[in-house]
Protein backbone atom coordinates (compact mmCIF):
# COMPACT_ATOMS: atom_id res chain seq x y z
CA MET A 1 -30.13 17.28 -83.64
CA GLY A 2 -28.44 13.96 -83.11
CA LYS A 3 -30.91 11.16 -82.45
CA ASN A 4 -29.44 10.25 -79.09
CA LEU A 5 -29.35 13.85 -77.90
CA TYR A 6 -32.83 14.50 -79.26
CA HIS A 7 -34.35 11.85 -77.00
CA GLN A 8 -32.11 12.46 -74.01
CA LYS A 9 -33.70 13.82 -70.86
CA ILE A 10 -32.56 17.29 -69.85
CA LYS A 11 -31.88 16.24 -66.27
CA ASN A 12 -29.36 13.64 -67.47
CA PHE A 13 -27.25 16.07 -69.50
CA PRO A 14 -23.85 16.99 -67.95
CA PHE A 15 -24.27 20.77 -67.94
CA GLN A 16 -21.47 22.93 -66.54
CA VAL A 17 -21.60 26.70 -66.01
CA PRO A 18 -19.17 28.12 -68.60
CA GLY A 19 -16.33 30.46 -67.67
CA ASN A 20 -17.85 33.54 -69.28
CA ILE A 21 -21.01 33.20 -67.16
CA SER A 22 -18.97 32.75 -63.96
CA ARG A 23 -16.87 35.79 -64.84
CA ALA A 24 -19.99 37.84 -65.48
CA PHE A 25 -21.31 36.95 -62.03
CA ARG A 26 -17.97 37.83 -60.44
CA ASN A 27 -17.99 41.20 -62.19
CA VAL A 28 -21.49 42.00 -60.96
CA GLN A 29 -20.54 40.81 -57.48
CA LYS A 30 -17.70 43.35 -57.47
CA GLU A 31 -20.17 46.05 -58.49
CA LEU A 32 -22.40 45.12 -55.55
CA ASN A 33 -19.45 45.16 -53.19
CA THR A 34 -18.46 48.61 -54.44
CA LYS A 35 -21.96 49.82 -53.61
CA ASN A 36 -21.72 48.21 -50.14
CA ILE A 37 -24.62 45.86 -50.90
CA ASN A 38 -24.14 42.75 -48.80
CA LEU A 39 -25.53 40.03 -51.05
CA LYS A 40 -23.49 37.03 -52.15
CA LEU A 41 -24.63 35.99 -55.59
CA GLU A 42 -25.70 32.39 -55.98
CA TYR A 43 -26.81 30.84 -59.26
CA TYR A 44 -27.81 27.51 -60.77
CA ILE A 45 -28.84 26.01 -64.10
CA SER A 46 -32.48 25.92 -65.21
CA ASP A 47 -34.30 26.44 -68.52
CA GLU A 48 -34.38 30.25 -68.48
CA TRP A 49 -33.32 33.36 -66.59
CA PHE A 50 -35.42 34.00 -63.51
CA VAL A 51 -35.50 34.51 -59.76
CA ALA A 52 -38.09 32.33 -58.03
CA ASP A 53 -40.55 33.92 -55.62
CA GLY A 54 -38.96 34.44 -52.22
CA GLN A 55 -35.51 33.34 -53.38
CA THR A 56 -32.17 35.15 -53.63
CA SER A 57 -30.53 32.82 -56.16
CA ILE A 58 -30.55 33.32 -59.93
CA ALA A 59 -31.49 30.66 -62.47
CA ILE A 60 -29.58 30.70 -65.75
CA PRO A 61 -30.70 28.94 -68.97
CA PHE A 62 -29.02 25.64 -69.74
CA TYR A 63 -28.61 26.49 -73.42
CA LEU A 64 -25.82 28.86 -72.38
CA CYS A 65 -24.01 25.99 -70.68
CA ASP A 66 -23.27 23.79 -73.68
CA GLN A 67 -22.36 24.84 -77.22
CA LYS A 68 -24.36 22.04 -78.91
CA ILE A 69 -27.53 23.02 -77.06
CA LYS A 70 -26.84 26.70 -77.71
CA ASN A 71 -26.61 26.01 -81.45
CA LEU A 72 -29.91 24.14 -81.31
CA GLU A 73 -31.54 27.04 -79.48
CA LYS A 74 -30.48 29.32 -82.32
CA LYS A 75 -31.72 26.81 -84.88
CA TYR A 76 -35.16 26.36 -83.39
CA LEU A 77 -35.81 29.91 -82.15
CA LYS A 78 -33.72 31.80 -84.74
CA LYS A 79 -31.91 33.83 -82.10
CA ILE A 80 -30.80 33.95 -78.49
CA GLU A 81 -30.99 37.02 -76.30
CA GLU A 82 -27.47 36.77 -74.88
CA LYS A 83 -25.49 38.14 -77.81
CA ASN A 84 -22.31 38.89 -75.83
CA ASN A 85 -20.83 38.91 -72.32
CA GLU A 86 -21.76 42.54 -71.76
CA TYR A 87 -25.42 41.74 -72.36
CA ILE A 88 -25.21 38.77 -69.99
CA GLU A 89 -24.03 41.15 -67.27
CA LYS A 90 -27.02 43.38 -68.02
CA ILE A 91 -29.33 40.43 -67.47
CA ILE A 92 -27.59 39.49 -64.22
CA ARG A 93 -27.92 43.04 -62.87
CA HIS A 94 -31.61 42.91 -63.71
CA GLU A 95 -32.07 39.59 -61.90
CA VAL A 96 -30.11 40.85 -58.88
CA ALA A 97 -32.80 43.49 -58.41
CA HIS A 98 -35.37 40.71 -58.00
CA CYS A 99 -33.07 38.99 -55.49
CA LEU A 100 -32.85 42.17 -53.44
CA ASP A 101 -36.62 42.58 -53.59
CA ASN A 102 -37.00 39.13 -52.06
CA ALA A 103 -34.22 39.60 -49.53
CA PHE A 104 -35.33 43.01 -48.23
CA ASN A 105 -39.05 43.02 -49.11
CA LEU A 106 -38.65 46.22 -51.11
CA ARG A 107 -41.92 45.86 -53.01
CA LEU A 108 -43.83 47.22 -50.02
CA LEU A 109 -42.09 50.62 -50.02
CA LYS A 110 -44.82 53.21 -50.46
CA LYS A 111 -42.80 55.71 -52.48
CA ARG A 112 -41.62 52.92 -54.78
CA GLN A 113 -45.24 51.96 -55.37
CA SER A 114 -46.03 55.58 -56.14
CA LEU A 115 -43.14 56.04 -58.59
CA PHE A 116 -43.06 52.62 -60.26
CA GLY A 117 -46.52 51.19 -59.68
CA LEU A 118 -47.64 48.07 -57.84
CA SER A 119 -45.68 44.86 -58.32
CA SER A 120 -48.97 43.01 -57.82
CA THR A 121 -50.24 44.44 -61.11
CA SER A 122 -51.10 41.65 -63.54
CA TYR A 123 -48.58 41.18 -66.33
CA PRO A 124 -50.08 42.25 -69.68
CA MET A 125 -50.44 39.84 -72.57
CA PHE A 126 -48.32 42.29 -74.53
CA TYR A 127 -47.14 45.85 -74.03
CA TYR A 128 -46.65 48.87 -76.24
CA PRO A 129 -43.34 50.59 -75.43
CA ASN A 130 -42.57 54.14 -76.38
CA PRO A 131 -38.85 54.17 -77.32
CA SER A 132 -38.65 57.93 -76.90
CA SER A 133 -40.16 58.01 -73.41
CA VAL A 134 -38.14 59.87 -70.78
CA HIS A 135 -39.97 58.07 -67.97
CA PHE A 136 -38.02 54.82 -68.25
CA VAL A 137 -34.40 53.67 -68.41
CA GLU A 138 -32.98 51.34 -71.06
CA ASN A 139 -31.09 48.21 -70.11
CA LEU A 140 -32.46 45.10 -71.83
CA GLU A 141 -33.95 45.00 -75.32
CA ASP A 142 -37.51 45.92 -76.27
CA ASN A 143 -37.76 48.74 -73.72
CA TYR A 144 -38.41 46.07 -71.14
CA ALA A 145 -38.78 48.59 -68.31
CA GLN A 146 -42.12 49.58 -69.82
CA SER A 147 -43.59 46.09 -69.59
CA HIS A 148 -44.50 46.06 -65.88
CA PRO A 149 -43.74 47.96 -62.61
CA GLU A 150 -41.63 45.05 -61.36
CA GLU A 151 -39.47 45.11 -64.48
CA ASP A 152 -39.28 48.89 -64.39
CA TRP A 153 -37.70 48.66 -60.92
CA ALA A 154 -35.31 45.88 -61.99
CA GLU A 155 -34.24 47.74 -65.11
CA THR A 156 -33.73 50.95 -63.13
CA PHE A 157 -31.56 49.04 -60.66
CA ALA A 158 -29.53 47.48 -63.50
CA VAL A 159 -28.76 50.93 -64.92
CA TRP A 160 -27.96 52.29 -61.44
CA LEU A 161 -25.52 49.42 -60.75
CA ASN A 162 -23.76 49.54 -64.13
CA PRO A 163 -20.45 51.39 -63.56
CA LYS A 164 -20.26 52.34 -67.24
CA ILE A 165 -23.42 54.44 -67.06
CA LYS A 166 -23.32 57.93 -65.59
CA TRP A 167 -27.03 57.83 -64.96
CA SER A 168 -27.29 61.27 -63.36
CA ARG A 169 -26.12 62.75 -66.67
CA VAL A 170 -27.82 60.36 -69.07
CA TYR A 171 -31.37 60.44 -67.72
CA GLN A 172 -33.87 63.16 -66.97
CA SER A 173 -37.48 63.65 -65.99
CA LYS A 174 -39.21 60.74 -64.24
CA ALA A 175 -36.51 58.20 -65.17
CA LEU A 176 -34.00 60.30 -63.23
CA GLU A 177 -36.44 60.70 -60.34
CA LYS A 178 -36.72 56.91 -60.16
CA LEU A 179 -32.95 56.49 -60.19
CA VAL A 180 -32.44 59.04 -57.43
CA TYR A 181 -35.06 57.33 -55.28
CA LEU A 182 -33.60 53.87 -55.93
CA ASP A 183 -30.17 55.21 -55.01
CA SER A 184 -31.53 56.40 -51.67
CA VAL A 185 -33.09 52.99 -51.00
CA MET A 186 -29.88 51.12 -51.79
CA ARG A 187 -27.96 53.28 -49.34
CA THR A 188 -30.17 52.04 -46.51
CA LEU A 189 -30.08 48.29 -47.26
CA ASN A 190 -27.54 47.49 -44.55
CA LYS A 191 -30.00 48.84 -41.99
CA ARG A 192 -32.80 46.58 -43.21
CA LYS A 193 -33.63 43.05 -42.16
CA CYS A 194 -32.38 40.56 -44.75
CA LYS A 195 -33.78 37.13 -45.56
CA ILE A 196 -31.60 34.84 -47.68
CA SER A 197 -32.96 31.70 -49.35
CA ASN A 198 -31.07 29.96 -52.15
CA LEU A 199 -33.25 27.01 -53.07
CA GLU A 200 -32.66 25.81 -56.63
CA LEU A 201 -36.29 25.93 -57.68
CA GLY A 202 -36.78 24.83 -61.28
CA SER A 203 -33.31 23.31 -61.55
CA TYR A 204 -32.60 21.37 -64.74
CA LYS A 205 -31.73 18.43 -62.47
CA PHE A 206 -35.46 17.84 -62.00
CA ASP A 207 -36.48 18.46 -65.63
CA SER A 208 -37.75 15.16 -67.04
CA ARG A 209 -38.46 16.53 -70.51
CA THR A 210 -36.45 15.37 -73.47
CA PHE A 211 -34.69 17.98 -75.57
CA ALA A 212 -37.17 17.13 -78.32
CA SER A 213 -40.16 18.05 -76.16
CA TYR A 214 -38.37 21.13 -74.79
CA PHE A 215 -37.67 22.61 -78.22
CA SER A 216 -41.12 21.69 -79.48
CA GLU A 217 -42.77 23.38 -76.51
CA LYS A 218 -40.54 26.44 -76.56
CA SER A 219 -40.82 26.99 -80.31
CA GLN A 220 -44.61 26.85 -80.01
CA ASN A 221 -44.56 29.35 -77.14
CA TYR A 222 -42.25 31.53 -79.20
CA LYS A 223 -44.70 31.44 -82.11
CA VAL A 224 -47.59 32.38 -79.85
CA LYS A 225 -45.60 35.27 -78.38
CA TYR A 226 -44.57 36.38 -81.86
CA LYS A 227 -48.20 36.32 -82.93
CA LEU A 228 -49.22 38.47 -79.96
CA ASP A 229 -46.35 40.87 -80.58
CA CYS A 230 -47.48 41.25 -84.17
CA LEU A 231 -51.07 41.81 -83.17
CA ALA A 232 -49.91 44.43 -80.68
CA LYS A 233 -48.63 46.51 -83.57
CA PHE A 234 -52.21 46.99 -84.73
CA LYS A 235 -53.58 48.40 -81.49
CA ASN A 236 -54.18 51.90 -82.92
CA ILE A 237 -56.30 50.87 -85.89
CA PRO A 238 -59.79 52.44 -85.98
CA ARG A 239 -62.39 50.19 -84.38
CA VAL A 240 -64.91 51.14 -87.06
CA ILE A 241 -63.82 51.79 -90.63
CA ASN A 242 -65.82 53.00 -93.63
CA PRO A 243 -65.22 52.13 -97.31
CA ASN A 244 -63.43 55.43 -98.07
CA GLN A 245 -60.97 54.95 -95.21
CA GLU A 246 -60.36 51.40 -96.30
CA GLN A 247 -59.72 52.32 -99.91
CA LYS A 248 -57.36 55.15 -99.03
CA LEU A 249 -55.23 52.94 -96.79
CA TYR A 250 -55.34 50.09 -99.25
CA VAL A 251 -53.95 52.24 -102.06
CA GLU A 252 -51.01 53.19 -99.84
CA LEU A 253 -50.39 49.58 -98.96
CA ARG A 254 -50.41 48.31 -102.52
CA LYS A 255 -47.06 50.04 -103.00
CA ASN A 256 -45.41 47.72 -100.48
CA PHE A 257 -47.28 44.39 -100.45
CA ASN A 258 -48.51 41.85 -102.93
CA LEU A 259 -50.52 39.34 -100.91
CA LYS A 260 -52.90 36.69 -102.12
CA GLU A 261 -56.44 36.50 -100.82
CA TYR A 262 -55.98 33.16 -99.09
CA GLU A 263 -53.01 34.61 -97.20
CA ILE A 264 -54.89 37.65 -95.97
CA LYS A 265 -58.15 36.16 -94.72
CA PRO A 266 -56.82 34.20 -91.71
CA LEU A 267 -54.75 37.17 -90.61
CA TYR A 268 -57.79 39.40 -90.77
CA ASN A 269 -59.75 36.98 -88.62
CA ALA A 270 -57.00 36.90 -85.99
CA ILE A 271 -56.73 40.70 -85.86
CA LYS A 272 -60.49 41.14 -85.82
CA LYS A 273 -60.84 38.74 -82.89
CA VAL A 274 -58.18 40.46 -80.78
CA HIS A 275 -58.99 44.09 -81.55
CA GLY A 276 -62.71 43.96 -82.29
CA VAL A 277 -62.56 45.76 -85.65
CA LYS A 278 -66.00 46.43 -87.11
CA TYR A 279 -67.25 47.86 -90.39
CA SER A 280 -69.67 50.78 -90.55
CA SER A 281 -71.66 48.92 -93.20
CA LYS A 282 -72.59 45.25 -93.49
CA ARG A 283 -72.32 45.39 -97.27
CA HIS A 284 -68.71 44.37 -97.54
CA SER A 285 -67.45 41.30 -99.30
CA ASN A 286 -64.84 38.98 -97.85
CA TYR A 287 -62.46 40.45 -100.38
CA ASN A 288 -62.89 43.90 -98.88
CA LEU A 289 -62.27 42.46 -95.44
CA MET A 290 -59.11 40.87 -96.76
CA GLN A 291 -58.03 44.16 -98.27
CA PHE A 292 -58.41 45.82 -94.90
CA THR A 293 -56.22 43.16 -93.31
CA ASP A 294 -53.66 43.95 -95.99
CA ILE A 295 -53.85 47.56 -94.88
CA LEU A 296 -53.08 46.58 -91.32
CA LEU A 297 -49.91 44.91 -92.47
CA ASN A 298 -48.60 48.28 -93.55
CA LYS A 299 -47.67 48.72 -89.88
CA GLY A 300 -45.32 45.77 -90.09
CA THR A 301 -42.80 44.33 -92.54
CA LYS A 302 -42.82 41.61 -95.17
CA LYS A 303 -40.61 39.46 -92.98
CA MET A 304 -42.97 39.92 -90.06
CA PHE A 305 -45.92 38.85 -92.16
CA SER A 306 -44.07 35.81 -93.43
CA GLU A 307 -43.36 34.64 -89.89
CA PHE A 308 -46.82 35.60 -88.64
CA HIS A 309 -48.49 33.76 -91.48
CA LYS A 310 -46.72 30.53 -90.51
CA VAL A 311 -48.10 30.87 -87.00
CA ILE A 312 -51.77 31.43 -87.69
CA VAL A 313 -52.43 29.46 -90.87
């Protein structure tokens, strides 16, 4: 990162919404118009995608609004979510659902609460999606619909709005039931009271951080999230393990990993703290504990361990 840019404040950078983002919003606006949904899309630049509480405007991340910053985002975080224009439209459709929730107060619908769950449910630290589940639609990556009732609704709306998806043919079971219900709700929007508010909450124009502090903060948050995601992979391990179980799993693991003791111990401690793993006997050396941690890694990959190790050591 150039020295001058590195120390420049975000609010002083001349961001402009690029043409591909504007086109994506126009495309989604046409989809809304086709569905007779009377909502004019408004958007502004912030540090990530979101819809603020009570608002009907969509925040877009500033790293998509300048190629230099976008390259730095890739450098520091290794990837960006928006891999192409089609995926950007998927994100916009998802965010539009939150706008409509705020505009028409849809979270209070009793049948929605019954089908999707309560939006007031606390967001989990991490979630465990089932990729083969027929209860949820697929729009964004990581089976995001399974993360929370609010996101389940937004993802279902995004699939419903997408003209390329013949959802009545693609989905079945509870996912289809949700889509049919959402379709019925959307057909009644014009009869509902609408509240529009397009305040630019969280705009980059008020962000006094430097790019240096932004990337430092975000990369640390990314590492923490990555650590939690990795730990989540171990949720099904036995809470109590005996020496025979340990040895059997360890033999299987030895075929795939070659880890040193000093690498394994801190990972074991992190997993033990989160998942409360205990041994059935107190007569186990630290080496045996490390071996068990090695076993746990069999649920992941070498690359995952390499990244995870950087986070916790």
